[in-house]
Amino acid sequence: MTPPTHLDGACVLAWAWSDLPFGHVTDEHGAAPIAIHGLAVCRYADEARVYRFSCDAHWETLQDAVHASVDEARERLPAQYSAVAAVWNTP
């Protein structure tokens, strides 16, 4: 599933999608695990660094991590996202 052009106001530079979850995160209350189906590397217009967003099945952003480059963001996936290999795409 292709993401929108922007997530959380940041421009999508690269993305990966899987029908099977890459992994799971817990919700804000620490209770129910939420499946991560989308990963996106994005940049806000006024920043040099990029963010890797972890998204649910509707491209809702659940977590983020800051990186110096697109390559670094794609290569440094947390171990919790190893259930499925990420295949990266560009818009």
N, C-alpha and C. Protein backbone atom coordinates (compact mmCIF):
# COMPACT_ATOMS: atom_id res chain seq x y z
N MET A 1 0.84 -1.17 0.00
CA MET A 1 0.00 0.00 0.00
C MET A 1 0.89 1.24 0.00
N THR A 2 0.68 2.11 -0.90
CA THR A 2 1.46 3.33 -1.03
C THR A 2 1.05 4.34 0.04
N PRO A 3 2.01 5.01 0.67
CA PRO A 3 1.67 6.00 1.70
C PRO A 3 1.22 7.31 1.06
N PRO A 4 0.65 8.20 1.87
CA PRO A 4 0.40 9.55 1.37
C PRO A 4 1.74 10.25 1.11
N THR A 5 1.72 11.37 0.44
CA THR A 5 2.97 12.09 0.13
C THR A 5 3.62 12.69 1.38
N HIS A 6 2.83 12.92 2.42
CA HIS A 6 3.33 13.49 3.67
C HIS A 6 2.77 12.72 4.86
N LEU A 7 3.60 12.52 5.85
CA LEU A 7 3.19 11.92 7.12
C LEU A 7 3.58 12.88 8.23
N ASP A 8 2.65 13.20 9.09
CA ASP A 8 2.91 14.10 10.21
C ASP A 8 3.50 15.43 9.72
N GLY A 9 3.13 15.85 8.51
CA GLY A 9 3.62 17.10 7.95
C GLY A 9 4.99 17.02 7.29
N ALA A 10 5.59 15.84 7.27
CA ALA A 10 6.92 15.65 6.66
C ALA A 10 6.78 14.93 5.32
N CYS A 11 7.62 15.30 4.36
CA CYS A 11 7.60 14.72 3.02
C CYS A 11 8.19 13.31 3.03
N VAL A 12 7.46 12.35 2.45
CA VAL A 12 7.93 10.97 2.38
C VAL A 12 9.02 10.85 1.32
N LEU A 13 10.20 10.37 1.72
CA LEU A 13 11.35 10.19 0.82
C LEU A 13 11.53 8.74 0.40
N ALA A 14 11.19 7.81 1.29
CA ALA A 14 11.30 6.38 1.03
C ALA A 14 10.30 5.67 1.94
N TRP A 15 9.83 4.52 1.48
CA TRP A 15 8.85 3.79 2.29
C TRP A 15 8.92 2.30 2.02
N ALA A 16 8.45 1.54 2.99
CA ALA A 16 8.35 0.08 2.88
C ALA A 16 7.00 -0.33 3.45
N TRP A 17 6.37 -1.31 2.81
CA TRP A 17 5.06 -1.80 3.25
C TRP A 17 5.08 -3.32 3.25
N SER A 18 4.37 -3.90 4.20
CA SER A 18 4.21 -5.35 4.23
C SER A 18 2.82 -5.69 4.75
N ASP A 19 2.14 -6.62 4.05
CA ASP A 19 0.84 -7.08 4.53
C ASP A 19 1.00 -7.85 5.85
N LEU A 20 2.13 -8.54 5.99
CA LEU A 20 2.47 -9.15 7.28
C LEU A 20 3.25 -8.11 8.07
N PRO A 21 3.01 -7.96 9.35
CA PRO A 21 3.71 -6.92 10.12
C PRO A 21 5.23 -7.11 10.16
N PHE A 22 5.92 -5.98 10.09
CA PHE A 22 7.37 -5.98 10.32
C PHE A 22 7.66 -6.36 11.77
N GLY A 23 6.75 -5.98 12.63
CA GLY A 23 6.86 -6.22 14.06
C GLY A 23 5.71 -5.52 14.76
N HIS A 24 5.83 -5.35 16.06
CA HIS A 24 4.76 -4.75 16.85
C HIS A 24 5.34 -3.74 17.84
N VAL A 25 4.51 -2.77 18.21
CA VAL A 25 4.82 -1.84 19.29
C VAL A 25 3.63 -1.87 20.24
N THR A 26 3.85 -1.44 21.46
CA THR A 26 2.73 -1.37 22.39
C THR A 26 2.07 0.00 22.28
N ASP A 27 0.78 0.03 22.60
CA ASP A 27 0.07 1.31 22.53
C ASP A 27 0.55 2.22 23.65
N GLU A 28 0.05 3.44 23.66
CA GLU A 28 0.54 4.44 24.62
C GLU A 28 0.29 4.05 26.07
N HIS A 29 -0.63 3.12 26.30
CA HIS A 29 -0.91 2.67 27.66
C HIS A 29 -0.13 1.40 28.01
N GLY A 30 0.65 0.90 27.04
CA GLY A 30 1.46 -0.29 27.28
C GLY A 30 0.67 -1.57 27.30
N ALA A 31 -0.53 -1.54 26.75
CA ALA A 31 -1.40 -2.72 26.84
C ALA A 31 -1.37 -3.56 25.56
N ALA A 32 -2.08 -3.12 24.56
CA ALA A 32 -2.27 -3.93 23.35
C ALA A 32 -1.16 -3.71 22.34
N PRO A 33 -0.59 -4.80 21.78
CA PRO A 33 0.41 -4.63 20.72
C PRO A 33 -0.25 -4.15 19.43
N ILE A 34 0.42 -3.26 18.73
CA ILE A 34 -0.07 -2.73 17.46
C ILE A 34 0.89 -3.15 16.37
N ALA A 35 0.36 -3.72 15.30
CA ALA A 35 1.18 -4.20 14.19
C ALA A 35 1.72 -3.03 13.37
N ILE A 36 3.01 -3.11 13.03
CA ILE A 36 3.65 -2.12 12.17
C ILE A 36 3.70 -2.69 10.76
N HIS A 37 2.95 -2.07 9.86
CA HIS A 37 2.89 -2.51 8.46
C HIS A 37 3.65 -1.57 7.53
N GLY A 38 3.82 -0.32 7.95
CA GLY A 38 4.49 0.66 7.11
C GLY A 38 5.67 1.30 7.81
N LEU A 39 6.74 1.49 7.05
CA LEU A 39 7.92 2.24 7.51
C LEU A 39 8.15 3.34 6.50
N ALA A 40 8.41 4.54 6.97
CA ALA A 40 8.61 5.66 6.05
C ALA A 40 9.75 6.54 6.54
N VAL A 41 10.61 6.94 5.62
CA VAL A 41 11.66 7.90 5.91
C VAL A 41 11.18 9.23 5.37
N CYS A 42 11.12 10.22 6.25
CA CYS A 42 10.52 11.51 5.89
C CYS A 42 11.41 12.67 6.33
N ARG A 43 11.19 13.82 5.69
CA ARG A 43 11.94 15.03 6.07
C ARG A 43 10.97 16.20 6.17
N TYR A 44 11.11 16.94 7.26
CA TYR A 44 10.37 18.19 7.40
C TYR A 44 11.09 19.25 6.58
N ALA A 45 10.36 20.19 6.04
CA ALA A 45 10.93 21.18 5.11
C ALA A 45 12.08 21.98 5.71
N ASP A 46 12.06 22.23 7.00
CA ASP A 46 13.07 23.10 7.61
C ASP A 46 14.19 22.33 8.32
N GLU A 47 14.32 21.03 8.07
CA GLU A 47 15.34 20.23 8.75
C GLU A 47 16.23 19.47 7.78
N ALA A 48 17.48 19.29 8.16
CA ALA A 48 18.42 18.50 7.35
C ALA A 48 18.31 17.02 7.68
N ARG A 49 18.04 16.69 8.92
CA ARG A 49 17.94 15.29 9.31
C ARG A 49 16.61 14.70 8.86
N VAL A 50 16.52 13.38 8.92
CA VAL A 50 15.30 12.70 8.50
C VAL A 50 14.74 11.89 9.67
N TYR A 51 13.50 11.51 9.52
CA TYR A 51 12.81 10.72 10.53
C TYR A 51 12.32 9.42 9.91
N ARG A 52 12.49 8.32 10.62
CA ARG A 52 11.89 7.07 10.18
C ARG A 52 10.65 6.87 11.03
N PHE A 53 9.50 6.86 10.37
CA PHE A 53 8.23 6.65 11.05
C PHE A 53 7.82 5.20 10.97
N SER A 54 7.31 4.68 12.07
CA SER A 54 6.72 3.35 12.13
C SER A 54 5.21 3.56 12.11
N CYS A 55 4.52 2.90 11.17
CA CYS A 55 3.10 3.18 10.96
C CYS A 55 2.24 1.92 11.02
N ASP A 56 0.99 2.12 11.36
CA ASP A 56 0.04 1.01 11.39
C ASP A 56 -0.47 0.74 9.97
N ALA A 57 -1.50 -0.07 9.84
CA ALA A 57 -2.02 -0.46 8.53
C ALA A 57 -2.72 0.67 7.78
N HIS A 58 -2.90 1.82 8.45
CA HIS A 58 -3.55 2.97 7.82
C HIS A 58 -2.58 4.14 7.67
N TRP A 59 -1.30 3.86 7.77
CA TRP A 59 -0.24 4.86 7.70
C TRP A 59 -0.36 5.91 8.80
N GLU A 60 -0.90 5.51 9.94
CA GLU A 60 -0.90 6.38 11.11
C GLU A 60 0.45 6.21 11.80
N THR A 61 1.13 7.30 12.07
CA THR A 61 2.46 7.25 12.69
C THR A 61 2.34 6.89 14.16
N LEU A 62 3.08 5.85 14.56
CA LEU A 62 3.06 5.40 15.95
C LEU A 62 4.37 5.68 16.68
N GLN A 63 5.48 5.63 15.96
CA GLN A 63 6.79 5.92 16.56
C GLN A 63 7.66 6.61 15.52
N ASP A 64 8.70 7.28 15.99
CA ASP A 64 9.67 7.85 15.07
C ASP A 64 11.07 7.74 15.65
N ALA A 65 12.03 7.87 14.76
CA ALA A 65 13.45 7.86 15.14
C ALA A 65 14.16 8.85 14.22
N VAL A 66 15.07 9.62 14.76
CA VAL A 66 15.80 10.64 14.00
C VAL A 66 17.10 10.05 13.47
N HIS A 67 17.42 10.37 12.20
CA HIS A 67 18.64 9.88 11.56
C HIS A 67 19.28 10.99 10.74
N ALA A 68 20.58 10.82 10.48
CA ALA A 68 21.33 11.82 9.72
C ALA A 68 21.07 11.73 8.22
N SER A 69 20.69 10.53 7.73
CA SER A 69 20.49 10.36 6.29
C SER A 69 19.40 9.32 6.01
N VAL A 70 18.93 9.32 4.78
CA VAL A 70 17.93 8.34 4.35
C VAL A 70 18.52 6.94 4.46
N ASP A 71 19.75 6.76 4.00
CA ASP A 71 20.39 5.44 4.05
C ASP A 71 20.49 4.93 5.48
N GLU A 72 20.91 5.79 6.38
CA GLU A 72 21.03 5.39 7.79
C GLU A 72 19.67 4.98 8.35
N ALA A 73 18.64 5.73 8.04
CA ALA A 73 17.29 5.43 8.54
C ALA A 73 16.79 4.09 8.01
N ARG A 74 17.11 3.77 6.77
CA ARG A 74 16.67 2.51 6.18
C ARG A 74 17.47 1.32 6.73
N GLU A 75 18.75 1.54 6.99
CA GLU A 75 19.63 0.45 7.42
C GLU A 75 19.55 0.13 8.91
N ARG A 76 19.17 1.09 9.72
CA ARG A 76 19.17 0.90 11.18
C ARG A 76 17.78 0.65 11.72
N LEU A 77 17.16 -0.41 11.23
CA LEU A 77 15.85 -0.78 11.74
C LEU A 77 16.01 -1.48 13.08
N PRO A 78 15.12 -1.19 14.02
CA PRO A 78 15.19 -1.88 15.31
C PRO A 78 14.96 -3.38 15.15
N ALA A 79 15.51 -4.17 16.04
CA ALA A 79 15.37 -5.62 15.99
C ALA A 79 13.91 -6.06 16.03
N GLN A 80 13.06 -5.25 16.64
CA GLN A 80 11.64 -5.61 16.73
C GLN A 80 10.95 -5.61 15.37
N TYR A 81 11.60 -5.06 14.33
CA TYR A 81 11.01 -5.04 12.99
C TYR A 81 11.67 -6.04 12.06
N SER A 82 12.07 -7.17 12.58
CA SER A 82 12.78 -8.15 11.77
C SER A 82 11.90 -9.32 11.31
N ALA A 83 10.60 -9.28 11.59
CA ALA A 83 9.72 -10.39 11.20
C ALA A 83 9.61 -10.51 9.68
N VAL A 84 9.71 -9.38 8.97
CA VAL A 84 9.64 -9.35 7.51
C VAL A 84 10.73 -8.38 7.03
N ALA A 85 11.42 -8.76 5.98
CA ALA A 85 12.46 -7.87 5.43
C ALA A 85 11.81 -6.66 4.76
N ALA A 86 12.32 -5.49 5.03
CA ALA A 86 11.81 -4.27 4.43
C ALA A 86 12.34 -4.12 3.01
N VAL A 87 11.45 -3.92 2.08
CA VAL A 87 11.81 -3.62 0.69
C VAL A 87 11.44 -2.16 0.49
N TRP A 88 12.46 -1.32 0.30
CA TRP A 88 12.26 0.12 0.25
C TRP A 88 11.89 0.59 -1.16
N ASN A 89 10.98 1.56 -1.19
CA ASN A 89 10.51 2.19 -2.42
C ASN A 89 10.70 3.69 -2.30
N THR A 90 10.71 4.38 -3.42
CA THR A 90 10.72 5.83 -3.42
C THR A 90 9.50 6.34 -4.18
N PRO A 91 9.00 7.49 -3.74
CA PRO A 91 7.79 8.03 -4.39
C PRO A 91 8.03 8.38 -5.85
